[in-house]
């Protein structure tokens, strides 16, 4: 079983980072790992029990994974586990925790665990998959960091408009 934990300093507060990842309208603009992502049922973001469908991007376009959210407490934590099959993964789960560093920065902690198919060859397949997964994870969250550095004001403005809309209803 492969397991790892990464910490990324993000140039935005927790709520902005959380929304940039989980609201699909923002995620589609920066996420290098997926070409398409949506919550079954049409919600704009996940919730506990929600299933999201994620299609790979680039050379991983054929990879598709459905995940069920087992935790979703904006803006602090979200965790999901794989539903069904998604080669090369037999099992997969991940969590994202956020903590404030100061008013304009936060720390995002990404933890994952997975197991690959091929019990007899897992000893050789899993380290290769882990190496690629780790590389993609670093690349992916570097893109999020760069996106936030340039666009956090847009996300904050969107958050304010959403708050205003819900107060007026």
C-alpha atoms as a PDB file:
ATOM      1  CA  UNK A   1       0.000   0.000   0.000  1.00  0.00           C
ATOM      2  CA  UNK A   2       1.352   3.455  -0.938  1.00  0.00           C
ATOM      3  CA  UNK A   3       0.894   6.376   1.416  1.00  0.00           C
ATOM      4  CA  UNK A   4       2.276   9.895   1.561  1.00  0.00           C
ATOM      5  CA  UNK A   5       1.669  13.347   2.966  1.00  0.00           C
ATOM      6  CA  UNK A   6       2.512  16.684   1.344  1.00  0.00           C
ATOM      7  CA  UNK A   7       2.392  20.212   2.723  1.00  0.00           C
ATOM      8  CA  UNK A   8       1.985  23.143   0.369  1.00  0.00           C
ATOM      9  CA  UNK A   9       2.101  26.788   1.347  1.00  0.00           C
ATOM     10  CA  UNK A  10      -0.644  28.568  -0.540  1.00  0.00           C
ATOM     11  CA  UNK A  11      -0.781  32.319  -1.265  1.00  0.00           C
ATOM     12  CA  UNK A  12      -4.391  32.647  -0.082  1.00  0.00           C
ATOM     13  CA  UNK A  13      -6.505  32.001   3.020  1.00  0.00           C
ATOM     14  CA  UNK A  14      -8.024  28.562   3.644  1.00  0.00           C
ATOM     15  CA  UNK A  15     -11.504  29.406   2.350  1.00  0.00           C
ATOM     16  CA  UNK A  16     -10.125  30.669  -0.976  1.00  0.00           C
ATOM     17  CA  UNK A  17      -7.893  27.615  -1.454  1.00  0.00           C
ATOM     18  CA  UNK A  18     -10.724  25.271  -0.466  1.00  0.00           C
ATOM     19  CA  UNK A  19     -13.156  26.854  -2.925  1.00  0.00           C
ATOM     20  CA  UNK A  20     -10.570  26.998  -5.732  1.00  0.00           C
ATOM     21  CA  UNK A  21     -10.200  23.244  -5.427  1.00  0.00           C
ATOM     22  CA  UNK A  22     -13.749  22.098  -4.715  1.00  0.00           C
ATOM     23  CA  UNK A  23     -15.897  24.439  -6.804  1.00  0.00           C
ATOM     24  CA  UNK A  24     -15.635  23.005 -10.293  1.00  0.00           C
ATOM     25  CA  UNK A  25     -15.939  26.382 -12.021  1.00  0.00           C
ATOM     26  CA  UNK A  26     -12.572  27.348 -10.466  1.00  0.00           C
ATOM     27  CA  UNK A  27     -10.902  23.955 -10.594  1.00  0.00           C
ATOM     28  CA  UNK A  28     -11.387  23.643 -14.337  1.00  0.00           C
ATOM     29  CA  UNK A  29      -9.159  26.695 -14.782  1.00  0.00           C
ATOM     30  CA  UNK A  30      -6.022  25.319 -13.121  1.00  0.00           C
ATOM     31  CA  UNK A  31      -6.162  21.556 -12.457  1.00  0.00           C
ATOM     32  CA  UNK A  32      -3.653  19.756 -14.664  1.00  0.00           C
ATOM     33  CA  UNK A  33      -4.791  16.318 -13.512  1.00  0.00           C
ATOM     34  CA  UNK A  34      -8.405  16.391 -14.684  1.00  0.00           C
ATOM     35  CA  UNK A  35     -10.006  17.523 -17.918  1.00  0.00           C
ATOM     36  CA  UNK A  36     -13.514  17.323 -16.499  1.00  0.00           C
ATOM     37  CA  UNK A  37     -14.933  16.993 -13.018  1.00  0.00           C
ATOM     38  CA  UNK A  38     -18.488  17.128 -11.748  1.00  0.00           C
ATOM     39  CA  UNK A  39     -20.639  16.099  -8.843  1.00  0.00           C
ATOM     40  CA  UNK A  40     -23.303  13.562  -9.762  1.00  0.00           C
ATOM     41  CA  UNK A  41     -26.631  15.308  -9.397  1.00  0.00           C
ATOM     42  CA  UNK A  42     -25.257  18.626 -10.639  1.00  0.00           C
ATOM     43  CA  UNK A  43     -24.148  20.364  -7.428  1.00  0.00           C
ATOM     44  CA  UNK A  44     -21.425  23.015  -7.916  1.00  0.00           C
ATOM     45  CA  UNK A  45     -19.264  21.391  -5.236  1.00  0.00           C
ATOM     46  CA  UNK A  46     -19.172  18.173  -3.190  1.00  0.00           C
ATOM     47  CA  UNK A  47     -20.737  17.450   0.191  1.00  0.00           C
ATOM     48  CA  UNK A  48     -20.565  14.471   2.535  1.00  0.00           C
ATOM     49  CA  UNK A  49     -21.829  11.437   0.624  1.00  0.00           C
ATOM     50  CA  UNK A  50     -21.632  13.153  -2.764  1.00  0.00           C
ATOM     51  CA  UNK A  51     -20.005  11.290  -5.627  1.00  0.00           C
ATOM     52  CA  UNK A  52     -17.810  13.178  -8.043  1.00  0.00           C
ATOM     53  CA  UNK A  53     -16.708  11.984 -11.450  1.00  0.00           C
ATOM     54  CA  UNK A  54     -13.229  12.972 -12.608  1.00  0.00           C
ATOM     55  CA  UNK A  55     -11.775  12.409 -16.073  1.00  0.00           C
ATOM     56  CA  UNK A  56      -8.013  12.531 -16.559  1.00  0.00           C
ATOM     57  CA  UNK A  57      -6.205  15.147 -18.592  1.00  0.00           C
ATOM     58  CA  UNK A  58      -3.453  14.967 -21.200  1.00  0.00           C
ATOM     59  CA  UNK A  59      -1.774  11.575 -21.475  1.00  0.00           C
ATOM     60  CA  UNK A  60      -3.985  10.379 -18.593  1.00  0.00           C
ATOM     61  CA  UNK A  61      -7.244  11.259 -20.372  1.00  0.00           C
ATOM     62  CA  UNK A  62      -8.366   7.614 -20.363  1.00  0.00           C
ATOM     63  CA  UNK A  63      -8.142   7.532 -16.556  1.00  0.00           C
ATOM     64  CA  UNK A  64     -11.431   8.188 -14.875  1.00  0.00           C
ATOM     65  CA  UNK A  65     -12.258   7.967 -11.191  1.00  0.00           C
ATOM     66  CA  UNK A  66     -15.408   8.322  -9.148  1.00  0.00           C
ATOM     67  CA  UNK A  67     -14.974   9.419  -5.551  1.00  0.00           C
ATOM     68  CA  UNK A  68     -17.348   9.583  -2.597  1.00  0.00           C
ATOM     69  CA  UNK A  69     -16.781  12.359  -0.104  1.00  0.00           C
ATOM     70  CA  UNK A  70     -16.598  11.002   3.426  1.00  0.00           C
ATOM     71  CA  UNK A  71     -15.789  14.386   4.967  1.00  0.00           C
ATOM     72  CA  UNK A  72     -16.472  17.907   3.760  1.00  0.00           C
ATOM     73  CA  UNK A  73     -16.187  20.711   6.289  1.00  0.00           C
ATOM     74  CA  UNK A  74     -15.461  23.951   4.450  1.00  0.00           C
ATOM     75  CA  UNK A  75     -12.875  25.479   4.748  1.00  0.00           C
ATOM     76  CA  UNK A  76     -10.865  23.043   6.879  1.00  0.00           C
ATOM     77  CA  UNK A  77     -11.079  19.481   5.580  1.00  0.00           C
ATOM     78  CA  UNK A  78     -12.326  17.321   2.745  1.00  0.00           C
ATOM     79  CA  UNK A  79     -11.736  13.615   2.283  1.00  0.00           C
ATOM     80  CA  UNK A  80     -12.816  11.181  -0.396  1.00  0.00           C
ATOM     81  CA  UNK A  81     -12.496   7.536  -1.282  1.00  0.00           C
ATOM     82  CA  UNK A  82     -12.663   5.846  -4.668  1.00  0.00           C
ATOM     83  CA  UNK A  83     -15.932   4.230  -5.742  1.00  0.00           C
ATOM     84  CA  UNK A  84     -15.764   1.323  -8.188  1.00  0.00           C
ATOM     85  CA  UNK A  85     -12.775   0.634 -10.422  1.00  0.00           C
ATOM     86  CA  UNK A  86     -10.090   2.919 -11.757  1.00  0.00           C
ATOM     87  CA  UNK A  87      -7.026   1.213 -13.161  1.00  0.00           C
ATOM     88  CA  UNK A  88      -4.318   1.078 -11.845  1.00  0.00           C
ATOM     89  CA  UNK A  89      -5.949   1.631  -8.442  1.00  0.00           C
ATOM     90  CA  UNK A  90      -7.607  -1.160  -6.501  1.00  0.00           C
ATOM     91  CA  UNK A  91      -8.217   1.227  -3.591  1.00  0.00           C
ATOM     92  CA  UNK A  92      -7.613   4.974  -3.289  1.00  0.00           C
ATOM     93  CA  UNK A  93      -8.410   7.658  -0.724  1.00  0.00           C
ATOM     94  CA  UNK A  94      -7.173  11.151   0.005  1.00  0.00           C
ATOM     95  CA  UNK A  95      -7.751  14.061   2.325  1.00  0.00           C
ATOM     96  CA  UNK A  96      -7.019  17.754   2.228  1.00  0.00           C
ATOM     97  CA  UNK A  97      -6.635  19.762   5.405  1.00  0.00           C
ATOM     98  CA  UNK A  98      -6.205  23.521   5.487  1.00  0.00           C
ATOM     99  CA  UNK A  99      -4.815  25.726   8.217  1.00  0.00           C
ATOM    100  CA  UNK A 100      -4.216  29.454   8.252  1.00  0.00           C
ATOM    101  CA  UNK A 101      -0.663  30.725   8.290  1.00  0.00           C
ATOM    102  CA  UNK A 102      -1.613  34.434   8.297  1.00  0.00           C
ATOM    103  CA  UNK A 103      -4.258  36.622   6.659  1.00  0.00           C
ATOM    104  CA  UNK A 104      -2.997  35.996   3.137  1.00  0.00           C
ATOM    105  CA  UNK A 105      -1.396  32.537   3.342  1.00  0.00           C
ATOM    106  CA  UNK A 106      -2.403  29.059   4.387  1.00  0.00           C
ATOM    107  CA  UNK A 107      -0.994  25.575   4.520  1.00  0.00           C
ATOM    108  CA  UNK A 108      -2.702  22.804   2.573  1.00  0.00           C
ATOM    109  CA  UNK A 109      -1.912  19.280   3.754  1.00  0.00           C
ATOM    110  CA  UNK A 110      -2.663  16.585   1.200  1.00  0.00           C
ATOM    111  CA  UNK A 111      -2.551  12.949   2.332  1.00  0.00           C
ATOM    112  CA  UNK A 112      -3.277   9.909   0.211  1.00  0.00           C
ATOM    113  CA  UNK A 113      -3.283   6.131   0.393  1.00  0.00           C
ATOM    114  CA  UNK A 114      -3.697   3.723  -2.478  1.00  0.00           C
ATOM    115  CA  UNK A 115      -3.215   0.131  -3.473  1.00  0.00           C
ATOM    116  CA  UNK A 116      -2.736  -1.017  -7.060  1.00  0.00           C
ATOM    117  CA  UNK A 117      -4.069  -3.990  -8.946  1.00  0.00           C
ATOM    118  CA  UNK A 118      -1.833  -6.954  -9.624  1.00  0.00           C
ATOM    119  CA  UNK A 119      -1.184  -8.595  -6.267  1.00  0.00           C
ATOM    120  CA  UNK A 120       1.707 -10.702  -7.581  1.00  0.00           C
ATOM    121  CA  UNK A 121       3.396  -7.718  -9.266  1.00  0.00           C
ATOM    122  CA  UNK A 122       2.364  -5.019  -6.780  1.00  0.00           C
ATOM    123  CA  UNK A 123       5.891  -4.881  -5.364  1.00  0.00           C
ATOM    124  CA  UNK A 124       7.111  -3.457  -8.671  1.00  0.00           C
ATOM    125  CA  UNK A 125       3.975  -1.690 -10.001  1.00  0.00           C
ATOM    126  CA  UNK A 126       3.072   0.247  -6.859  1.00  0.00           C
ATOM    127  CA  UNK A 127       6.417   2.125  -6.515  1.00  0.00           C
ATOM    128  CA  UNK A 128       6.181   3.206 -10.166  1.00  0.00           C
ATOM    129  CA  UNK A 129       2.582   4.377  -9.764  1.00  0.00           C
ATOM    130  CA  UNK A 130       3.544   6.166  -6.525  1.00  0.00           C
ATOM    131  CA  UNK A 131       6.409   7.957  -8.267  1.00  0.00           C
ATOM    132  CA  UNK A 132       4.097   9.190 -11.052  1.00  0.00           C
ATOM    133  CA  UNK A 133       1.332  10.059  -8.580  1.00  0.00           C
ATOM    134  CA  UNK A 134       3.735  12.055  -6.367  1.00  0.00           C
ATOM    135  CA  UNK A 135       5.099  13.935  -9.381  1.00  0.00           C
ATOM    136  CA  UNK A 136       1.577  14.729 -10.604  1.00  0.00           C
ATOM    137  CA  UNK A 137       0.516  15.795  -7.102  1.00  0.00           C
ATOM    138  CA  UNK A 138       3.406  18.264  -6.781  1.00  0.00           C
ATOM    139  CA  UNK A 139       2.784  19.559 -10.300  1.00  0.00           C
ATOM    140  CA  UNK A 140      -0.939  19.880  -9.713  1.00  0.00           C
ATOM    141  CA  UNK A 141      -0.676  21.840  -6.491  1.00  0.00           C
ATOM    142  CA  UNK A 142       2.078  24.055  -7.875  1.00  0.00           C
ATOM    143  CA  UNK A 143      -0.422  25.007 -10.592  1.00  0.00           C
ATOM    144  CA  UNK A 144      -3.040  25.746  -7.910  1.00  0.00           C
ATOM    145  CA  UNK A 145      -0.503  27.899  -6.051  1.00  0.00           C
ATOM    146  CA  UNK A 146       0.339  29.842  -9.226  1.00  0.00           C
ATOM    147  CA  UNK A 147      -3.335  30.229 -10.108  1.00  0.00           C
ATOM    148  CA  UNK A 148      -4.151  31.573  -6.648  1.00  0.00           C
ATOM    149  CA  UNK A 149      -1.265  34.037  -6.760  1.00  0.00           C
ATOM    150  CA  UNK A 150      -2.864  35.622  -9.832  1.00  0.00           C
ATOM    151  CA  UNK A 151      -6.583  35.025  -9.229  1.00  0.00           C
ATOM    152  CA  UNK A 152      -7.372  34.955  -5.504  1.00  0.00           C
ATOM    153  CA  UNK A 153      -9.066  38.362  -5.750  1.00  0.00           C
ATOM    154  CA  UNK A 154     -11.549  36.942  -8.293  1.00  0.00           C
ATOM    155  CA  UNK A 155     -12.388  34.065  -5.970  1.00  0.00           C
ATOM    156  CA  UNK A 156     -12.798  36.418  -2.984  1.00  0.00           C
ATOM    157  CA  UNK A 157     -15.106  38.641  -5.042  1.00  0.00           C
ATOM    158  CA  UNK A 158     -17.133  35.579  -6.089  1.00  0.00           C
ATOM    159  CA  UNK A 159     -17.364  34.490  -2.432  1.00  0.00           C
ATOM    160  CA  UNK A 160     -18.628  37.952  -1.422  1.00  0.00           C
ATOM    161  CA  UNK A 161     -21.258  37.924  -4.160  1.00  0.00           C
ATOM    162  CA  UNK A 162     -22.453  34.478  -3.043  1.00  0.00           C
ATOM    163  CA  UNK A 163     -22.753  35.702   0.557  1.00  0.00           C
ATOM    164  CA  UNK A 164     -24.716  38.753  -0.601  1.00  0.00           C
ATOM    165  CA  UNK A 165     -27.067  36.583  -2.666  1.00  0.00           C
ATOM    166  CA  UNK A 166     -27.774  34.218   0.240  1.00  0.00           C
ATOM    167  CA  UNK A 167     -28.394  37.159   2.626  1.00  0.00           C
ATOM    168  CA  UNK A 168     -30.913  38.684   0.197  1.00  0.00           C
ATOM    169  CA  UNK A 169     -32.951  35.487  -0.070  1.00  0.00           C
END
